[in-house]
PDB file of N, CA and C in Angstrom:
ATOM      1  N   MET A   1      23.103  23.011 156.697  1.00  0.00           N
ATOM      2  CA  MET A   1      24.394  22.493 156.938  1.00  0.00           C
ATOM      3  C   MET A   1      24.608  21.844 155.402  1.00  0.00           C
ATOM      4  N   GLY A   2      25.916  22.020 155.169  1.00  0.00           N
ATOM      5  CA  GLY A   2      26.405  21.372 154.045  1.00  0.00           C
ATOM      6  C   GLY A   2      26.680  20.015 153.972  1.00  0.00           C
ATOM      7  N   PRO A   3      27.137  19.436 152.932  1.00  0.00           N
ATOM      8  CA  PRO A   3      27.571  17.937 152.818  1.00  0.00           C
ATOM      9  C   PRO A   3      28.789  17.708 153.719  1.00  0.00           C
ATOM     10  N   SER A   4      29.430  18.536 154.178  1.00  0.00           N
ATOM     11  CA  SER A   4      30.722  18.195 155.093  1.00  0.00           C
ATOM     12  C   SER A   4      30.323  18.381 156.533  1.00  0.00           C
ATOM     13  N   SER A   5      29.005  18.510 156.812  1.00  0.00           N
ATOM     14  CA  SER A   5      28.663  18.852 158.343  1.00  0.00           C
ATOM     15  C   SER A   5      27.508  17.818 158.492  1.00  0.00           C
ATOM     16  N   TRP A   6      27.600  17.562 160.019  1.00  0.00           N
ATOM     17  CA  TRP A   6      26.317  16.817 160.296  1.00  0.00           C
ATOM     18  C   TRP A   6      25.197  17.596 160.671  1.00  0.00           C
ATOM     19  N   PRO A   7      23.742  16.761 160.231  1.00  0.00           N
ATOM     20  CA  PRO A   7      22.641  17.808 160.664  1.00  0.00           C
ATOM     21  C   PRO A   7      22.565  17.710 162.088  1.00  0.00           C
ATOM     22  N   PRO A   8      21.812  19.002 162.514  1.00  0.00           N
ATOM     23  CA  PRO A   8      21.646  19.122 164.162  1.00  0.00           C
ATOM     24  C   PRO A   8      20.716  17.892 164.736  1.00  0.00           C
ATOM     25  N   GLY A   9      21.065  17.665 165.683  1.00  0.00           N
ATOM     26  CA  GLY A   9      20.099  17.063 166.779  1.00  0.00           C
ATOM     27  C   GLY A   9      19.435  17.749 167.671  1.00  0.00           C
ATOM     28  N   ILE A  10      18.297  17.219 168.244  1.00  0.00           N
ATOM     29  CA  ILE A  10      17.308  17.670 169.234  1.00  0.00           C
ATOM     30  C   ILE A  10      17.293  16.547 170.349  1.00  0.00           C
ATOM     31  N   LEU A  11      17.541  17.219 171.421  1.00  0.00           N
ATOM     32  CA  LEU A  11      17.141  16.227 172.804  1.00  0.00           C
ATOM     33  C   LEU A  11      16.125  16.744 173.218  1.00  0.00           C
ATOM     34  N   HIS A  12      15.107  15.999 173.460  1.00  0.00           N
ATOM     35  CA  HIS A  12      13.911  16.521 174.088  1.00  0.00           C
ATOM     36  C   HIS A  12      14.114  16.208 175.427  1.00  0.00           C
ATOM     37  N   ALA A  13      13.195  16.969 176.579  1.00  0.00           N
ATOM     38  CA  ALA A  13      13.416  16.804 177.905  1.00  0.00           C
ATOM     39  C   ALA A  13      12.976  15.497 178.140  1.00  0.00           C
ATOM     40  N   ASP A  14      11.958  14.720 177.336  1.00  0.00           N
ATOM     41  CA  ASP A  14      11.388  13.253 177.936  1.00  0.00           C
ATOM     42  C   ASP A  14      12.547  12.326 177.691  1.00  0.00           C
ATOM     43  N   GLY A  15      13.936  12.647 177.096  1.00  0.00           N
ATOM     44  CA  GLY A  15      15.030  11.719 177.015  1.00  0.00           C
ATOM     45  C   GLY A  15      14.971  10.973 175.414  1.00  0.00           C
ATOM     46  N   THR A  16      13.997  11.562 174.711  1.00  0.00           N
ATOM     47  CA  THR A  16      13.852  11.056 173.066  1.00  0.00           C
ATOM     48  C   THR A  16      14.783  12.026 172.493  1.00  0.00           C
ATOM     49  N   ALA A  17      15.385  11.922 171.251  1.00  0.00           N
ATOM     50  CA  ALA A  17      16.118  12.474 170.531  1.00  0.00           C
ATOM     51  C   ALA A  17      15.591  12.353 169.044  1.00  0.00           C
ATOM     52  N   MET A  18      16.202  13.443 168.285  1.00  0.00           N
ATOM     53  CA  MET A  18      15.922  13.381 166.673  1.00  0.00           C
ATOM     54  C   MET A  18      17.117  14.166 166.172  1.00  0.00           C
ATOM     55  N   VAL A  19      17.167  13.606 164.805  1.00  0.00           N
ATOM     56  CA  VAL A  19      18.123  14.236 163.973  1.00  0.00           C
ATOM     57  C   VAL A  19      17.193  15.203 163.157  1.00  0.00           C
ATOM     58  N   GLY A  20      17.517  16.599 163.069  1.00  0.00           N
ATOM     59  CA  GLY A  20      17.031  17.489 162.276  1.00  0.00           C
ATOM     60  C   GLY A  20      17.411  16.947 160.584  1.00  0.00           C
ATOM     61  N   GLU A  21      16.088  17.045 159.687  1.00  0.00           N
ATOM     62  CA  GLU A  21      16.540  17.125 158.328  1.00  0.00           C
ATOM     63  C   GLU A  21      16.370  18.487 157.811  1.00  0.00           C
ATOM     64  N   LEU A  22      17.634  18.679 156.961  1.00  0.00           N
ATOM     65  CA  LEU A  22      17.989  19.792 156.572  1.00  0.00           C
ATOM     66  C   LEU A  22      18.177  19.602 154.866  1.00  0.00           C
ATOM     67  N   PRO A  23      17.828  20.630 154.182  1.00  0.00           N
ATOM     68  CA  PRO A  23      18.170  20.833 152.818  1.00  0.00           C
ATOM     69  C   PRO A  23      19.660  20.714 152.306  1.00  0.00           C
ATOM     70  N   VAL A  24      20.249  19.947 151.454  1.00  0.00           N
ATOM     71  CA  VAL A  24      21.734  19.939 151.180  1.00  0.00           C
ATOM     72  C   VAL A  24      21.918  21.273 150.710  1.00  0.00           C
ATOM     73  N   GLY A  25      23.192  21.715 151.266  1.00  0.00           N
ATOM     74  CA  GLY A  25      23.770  23.105 150.763  1.00  0.00           C
ATOM     75  C   GLY A  25      25.212  23.196 150.758  1.00  0.00           C
ATOM     76  N   PRO A  26      25.961  24.299 150.472  1.00  0.00           N
ATOM     77  CA  PRO A  26      27.417  24.315 150.423  1.00  0.00           C
ATOM     78  C   PRO A  26      27.914  24.452 152.025  1.00  0.00           C
ATOM     79  N   PRO A  27      28.918  24.099 152.597  1.00  0.00           N
ATOM     80  CA  PRO A  27      29.214  24.264 153.780  1.00  0.00           C
ATOM     81  C   PRO A  27      29.313  25.609 154.577  1.00  0.00           C
ATOM     82  N   TRP A  28      28.973  25.652 155.769  1.00  0.00           N
ATOM     83  CA  TRP A  28      28.954  27.109 156.249  1.00  0.00           C
ATOM     84  C   TRP A  28      30.236  27.721 156.476  1.00  0.00           C
ATOM     85  N   GLY A  29      30.485  29.030 155.931  1.00  0.00           N
ATOM     86  CA  GLY A  29      31.700  29.517 156.043  1.00  0.00           C
ATOM     87  C   GLY A  29      32.646  29.745 154.764  1.00  0.00           C
ATOM     88  N   THR A  30      32.195  29.042 153.882  1.00  0.00           N
ATOM     89  CA  THR A  30      32.601  29.005 152.539  1.00  0.00           C
ATOM     90  C   THR A  30      32.541  30.242 151.708  1.00  0.00           C
ATOM     91  N   GLY A  31      31.336  31.057 152.005  1.00  0.00           N
ATOM     92  CA  GLY A  31      31.140  32.080 151.415  1.00  0.00           C
ATOM     93  C   GLY A  31      30.107  31.885 149.962  1.00  0.00           C
ATOM     94  N   LEU A  32      29.756  30.609 149.682  1.00  0.00           N
ATOM     95  CA  LEU A  32      29.087  30.133 148.448  1.00  0.00           C
ATOM     96  C   LEU A  32      27.735  30.529 148.563  1.00  0.00           C
ATOM     97  N   GLY A  33      26.954  30.657 149.888  1.00  0.00           N
ATOM     98  CA  GLY A  33      25.585  30.995 150.131  1.00  0.00           C
ATOM     99  C   GLY A  33      24.734  29.741 149.381  1.00  0.00           C
ATOM    100  N   GLY A  34      23.652  30.463 149.435  1.00  0.00           N
ATOM    101  CA  GLY A  34      22.394  29.299 148.683  1.00  0.00           C
ATOM    102  C   GLY A  34      21.837  28.513 149.859  1.00  0.00           C
ATOM    103  N   TYR A  35      21.602  29.289 151.041  1.00  0.00           N
ATOM    104  CA  TYR A  35      20.976  28.530 152.240  1.00  0.00           C
ATOM    105  C   TYR A  35      19.527  28.722 152.183  1.00  0.00           C
ATOM    106  N   ARG A  36      18.789  27.606 152.599  1.00  0.00           N
ATOM    107  CA  ARG A  36      17.322  27.972 152.526  1.00  0.00           C
ATOM    108  C   ARG A  36      17.116  27.839 154.165  1.00  0.00           C
ATOM    109  N   LEU A  37      15.929  28.545 154.678  1.00  0.00           N
ATOM    110  CA  LEU A  37      15.552  28.766 156.177  1.00  0.00           C
ATOM    111  C   LEU A  37      14.652  27.344 156.384  1.00  0.00           C
ATOM    112  N   VAL A  38      15.034  27.109 157.568  1.00  0.00           N
ATOM    113  CA  VAL A  38      14.336  25.671 158.224  1.00  0.00           C
ATOM    114  C   VAL A  38      14.138  26.020 159.537  1.00  0.00           C
ATOM    115  N   THR A  39      13.041  26.164 159.754  1.00  0.00           N
ATOM    116  CA  THR A  39      12.388  26.036 161.429  1.00  0.00           C
ATOM    117  C   THR A  39      12.030  24.904 162.200  1.00  0.00           C
ATOM    118  N   ARG A  40      12.274  24.645 163.445  1.00  0.00           N
ATOM    119  CA  ARG A  40      11.545  23.466 164.207  1.00  0.00           C
ATOM    120  C   ARG A  40      11.145  24.138 165.326  1.00  0.00           C
ATOM    121  N   ARG A  41      10.171  23.622 165.753  1.00  0.00           N
ATOM    122  CA  ARG A  41       9.546  24.235 167.292  1.00  0.00           C
ATOM    123  C   ARG A  41      10.147  23.282 168.437  1.00  0.00           C
ATOM    124  N   MET A  42      10.785  24.129 169.385  1.00  0.00           N
ATOM    125  CA  MET A  42      11.150  23.339 170.548  1.00  0.00           C
ATOM    126  C   MET A  42      10.713  24.101 171.708  1.00  0.00           C
ATOM    127  N   THR A  43      11.027  23.319 172.859  1.00  0.00           N
ATOM    128  CA  THR A  43      10.249  23.751 174.099  1.00  0.00           C
ATOM    129  C   THR A  43      11.634  24.324 174.958  1.00  0.00           C
ATOM    130  N   ALA A  44      11.243  25.200 175.881  1.00  0.00           N
ATOM    131  CA  ALA A  44      12.500  25.739 176.733  1.00  0.00           C
ATOM    132  C   ALA A  44      13.316  24.566 177.237  1.00  0.00           C
ATOM    133  N   ASP A  45      12.833  23.111 177.327  1.00  0.00           N
ATOM    134  CA  ASP A  45      13.688  22.070 177.874  1.00  0.00           C
ATOM    135  C   ASP A  45      14.203  21.342 177.142  1.00  0.00           C
ATOM    136  N   ASP A  46      14.101  21.680 175.735  1.00  0.00           N
ATOM    137  CA  ASP A  46      14.853  20.842 174.913  1.00  0.00           C
ATOM    138  C   ASP A  46      16.268  21.688 174.627  1.00  0.00           C
ATOM    139  N   THR A  47      17.399  20.555 173.999  1.00  0.00           N
ATOM    140  CA  THR A  47      18.597  20.928 173.938  1.00  0.00           C
ATOM    141  C   THR A  47      18.932  20.905 172.403  1.00  0.00           C
ATOM    142  N   LEU A  48      19.442  21.851 171.622  1.00  0.00           N
ATOM    143  CA  LEU A  48      19.848  21.696 170.180  1.00  0.00           C
ATOM    144  C   LEU A  48      21.249  21.359 170.198  1.00  0.00           C
ATOM    145  N   LEU A  49      21.801  20.063 169.571  1.00  0.00           N
ATOM    146  CA  LEU A  49      23.063  19.668 169.715  1.00  0.00           C
ATOM    147  C   LEU A  49      23.557  19.930 168.135  1.00  0.00           C
ATOM    148  N   LEU A  50      24.766  21.080 168.268  1.00  0.00           N
ATOM    149  CA  LEU A  50      25.424  21.236 167.090  1.00  0.00           C
ATOM    150  C   LEU A  50      26.885  20.802 167.107  1.00  0.00           C
ATOM    151  N   PHE A  51      27.235  20.389 165.906  1.00  0.00           N
ATOM    152  CA  PHE A  51      28.877  19.847 165.911  1.00  0.00           C
ATOM    153  C   PHE A  51      29.554  19.855 164.371  1.00  0.00           C
ATOM    154  N   THR A  52      30.588  19.558 164.602  1.00  0.00           N
ATOM    155  CA  THR A  52      31.266  19.475 163.047  1.00  0.00           C
ATOM    156  C   THR A  52      32.554  18.714 163.163  1.00  0.00           C
ATOM    157  N   ASP A  53      32.613  18.183 161.858  1.00  0.00           N
ATOM    158  CA  ASP A  53      33.904  17.224 161.576  1.00  0.00           C
ATOM    159  C   ASP A  53      35.148  17.970 161.310  1.00  0.00           C
ATOM    160  N   GLY A  54      35.040  19.417 161.326  1.00  0.00           N
ATOM    161  CA  GLY A  54      36.163  20.132 161.314  1.00  0.00           C
ATOM    162  C   GLY A  54      36.306  20.569 159.761  1.00  0.00           C
ATOM    163  N   LEU A  55      35.489  21.859 159.647  1.00  0.00           N
ATOM    164  CA  LEU A  55      35.476  22.681 158.477  1.00  0.00           C
ATOM    165  C   LEU A  55      36.543  22.748 157.786  1.00  0.00           C
ATOM    166  N   VAL A  56      37.357  23.903 158.749  1.00  0.00           N
ATOM    167  CA  VAL A  56      38.777  24.187 158.582  1.00  0.00           C
ATOM    168  C   VAL A  56      39.828  23.442 159.248  1.00  0.00           C
ATOM    169  N   GLU A  57      40.583  22.920 158.374  1.00  0.00           N
ATOM    170  CA  GLU A  57      41.958  22.128 158.763  1.00  0.00           C
ATOM    171  C   GLU A  57      42.944  22.672 158.260  1.00  0.00           C
ATOM    172  N   ARG A  58      43.995  22.730 159.040  1.00  0.00           N
ATOM    173  CA  ARG A  58      45.024  23.256 158.498  1.00  0.00           C
ATOM    174  C   ARG A  58      46.339  22.097 158.408  1.00  0.00           C
TER     175      ARG A  58
END
């Protein structure tokens, strides 16, 4: 995720939560590339939270 986006959160089945740490890169959708792959282990009961502050605004 780029500097204009929030890092993803993970809500675990036991009620705990964490914010994923990601390398800084250009915002998604800008076509500038340069992203690095990051993997995190999750269980089937975990929830991945994704959100944005509105990359595309008119």
